[in-house]
């Protein structure tokens, strides 16, 4: 199944953080959800007051940071995704060279 976000919406797959501290095992229900994700699909962009299309800054494949309570969670084919607006993105994570 494929999904194409509309306008300035973005489909994000959360990236799991692999942080273990002091050998303590924290159950999944007590863990905070990661605030990093990989962009799976993007919309066409939003429109301004005059009707001109404003393209999105982010693109498919970017790794992003987003707010703790951003977006709407959806379930597609046994996988959890997040649909957020471009305004909810705090930054793009770039790999150092």
Protein backbone atom coordinates (compact mmCIF):
# COMPACT_ATOMS: atom_id res chain seq x y z
CA UNK A 1 0.00 0.00 0.00
CA UNK A 2 1.28 3.49 -0.89
CA UNK A 3 0.23 6.81 0.53
CA UNK A 4 0.87 10.25 -0.97
CA UNK A 5 0.62 13.12 1.53
CA UNK A 6 -1.26 16.22 0.37
CA UNK A 7 -0.01 19.81 0.28
CA UNK A 8 2.64 20.44 2.98
CA UNK A 9 2.15 17.15 4.82
CA UNK A 10 5.00 14.66 5.22
CA UNK A 11 4.97 10.90 5.93
CA UNK A 12 7.67 10.01 8.48
CA UNK A 13 8.96 6.71 9.82
CA UNK A 14 10.29 7.07 13.36
CA UNK A 15 13.90 6.03 13.90
CA UNK A 16 14.49 3.92 16.99
CA UNK A 17 17.18 5.14 19.34
CA UNK A 18 19.58 2.43 20.48
CA UNK A 19 20.59 3.94 23.82
CA UNK A 20 21.20 1.60 26.77
CA UNK A 21 22.14 3.15 30.09
CA UNK A 22 23.74 1.16 32.88
CA UNK A 23 22.26 -2.16 31.80
CA UNK A 24 18.75 -1.18 32.94
CA UNK A 25 16.03 -2.65 30.76
CA UNK A 26 13.15 -0.25 30.20
CA UNK A 27 9.89 -1.81 28.95
CA UNK A 28 8.53 -0.53 25.63
CA UNK A 29 5.48 0.98 27.32
CA UNK A 30 7.67 3.25 29.49
CA UNK A 31 9.95 4.44 26.69
CA UNK A 32 9.50 7.82 25.09
CA UNK A 33 8.93 7.76 21.36
CA UNK A 34 11.91 8.99 19.33
CA UNK A 35 11.79 12.48 17.90
CA UNK A 36 13.87 11.60 14.86
CA UNK A 37 12.52 10.16 11.67
CA UNK A 38 13.16 9.38 8.04
CA UNK A 39 10.94 11.00 5.43
CA UNK A 40 9.12 8.36 3.38
CA UNK A 41 6.94 10.65 1.21
CA UNK A 42 6.21 14.37 0.82
CA UNK A 43 3.30 16.38 -0.54
CA UNK A 44 3.45 18.83 -3.45
CA UNK A 45 3.78 21.94 -1.28
CA UNK A 46 1.47 24.55 0.15
CA UNK A 47 -0.03 27.58 -1.55
CA UNK A 48 0.33 31.21 -0.54
CA UNK A 49 -2.44 33.85 -0.44
CA UNK A 50 -2.14 34.45 -4.20
CA UNK A 51 -2.39 30.75 -5.05
CA UNK A 52 1.29 30.28 -5.93
CA UNK A 53 2.76 26.92 -4.96
CA UNK A 54 5.55 27.01 -2.36
CA UNK A 55 7.73 23.88 -2.65
CA UNK A 56 8.81 21.98 0.46
CA UNK A 57 12.34 22.38 1.80
CA UNK A 58 12.63 18.71 2.83
CA UNK A 59 12.70 15.72 0.49
CA UNK A 60 12.23 11.97 0.60
CA UNK A 61 15.06 10.25 2.48
CA UNK A 62 15.95 13.21 4.75
CA UNK A 63 16.46 12.47 8.45
CA UNK A 64 14.60 15.05 10.51
CA UNK A 65 13.92 16.20 14.08
CA UNK A 66 10.34 16.99 15.07
CA UNK A 67 8.48 18.02 18.21
CA UNK A 68 7.43 15.51 20.85
CA UNK A 69 3.70 15.93 20.22
CA UNK A 70 3.81 16.67 16.47
CA UNK A 71 1.60 15.09 13.86
CA UNK A 72 -0.84 12.20 13.70
CA UNK A 73 0.13 8.55 14.08
CA UNK A 74 -1.19 6.11 11.49
CA UNK A 75 -0.79 2.36 11.01
CA UNK A 76 -0.07 0.96 7.53
CA UNK A 77 0.65 -2.73 6.92
CA UNK A 78 1.79 -3.46 10.51
CA UNK A 79 4.10 -0.43 10.56
CA UNK A 80 3.58 2.81 12.43
CA UNK A 81 4.08 6.14 10.67
CA UNK A 82 3.60 9.77 11.50
CA UNK A 83 2.03 12.42 9.26
CA UNK A 84 3.28 15.91 10.09
CA UNK A 85 3.27 19.34 8.50
CA UNK A 86 6.49 20.92 7.30
CA UNK A 87 6.07 23.61 9.99
CA UNK A 88 6.41 20.89 12.69
CA UNK A 89 9.93 19.98 11.55
CA UNK A 90 12.61 21.42 13.84
CA UNK A 91 15.61 20.57 11.66
CA UNK A 92 17.26 18.28 9.13
CA UNK A 93 20.08 16.05 10.39
CA UNK A 94 23.04 16.14 8.02
CA UNK A 95 25.89 13.66 8.10
CA UNK A 96 29.31 15.12 8.71
CA UNK A 97 31.88 14.63 5.99
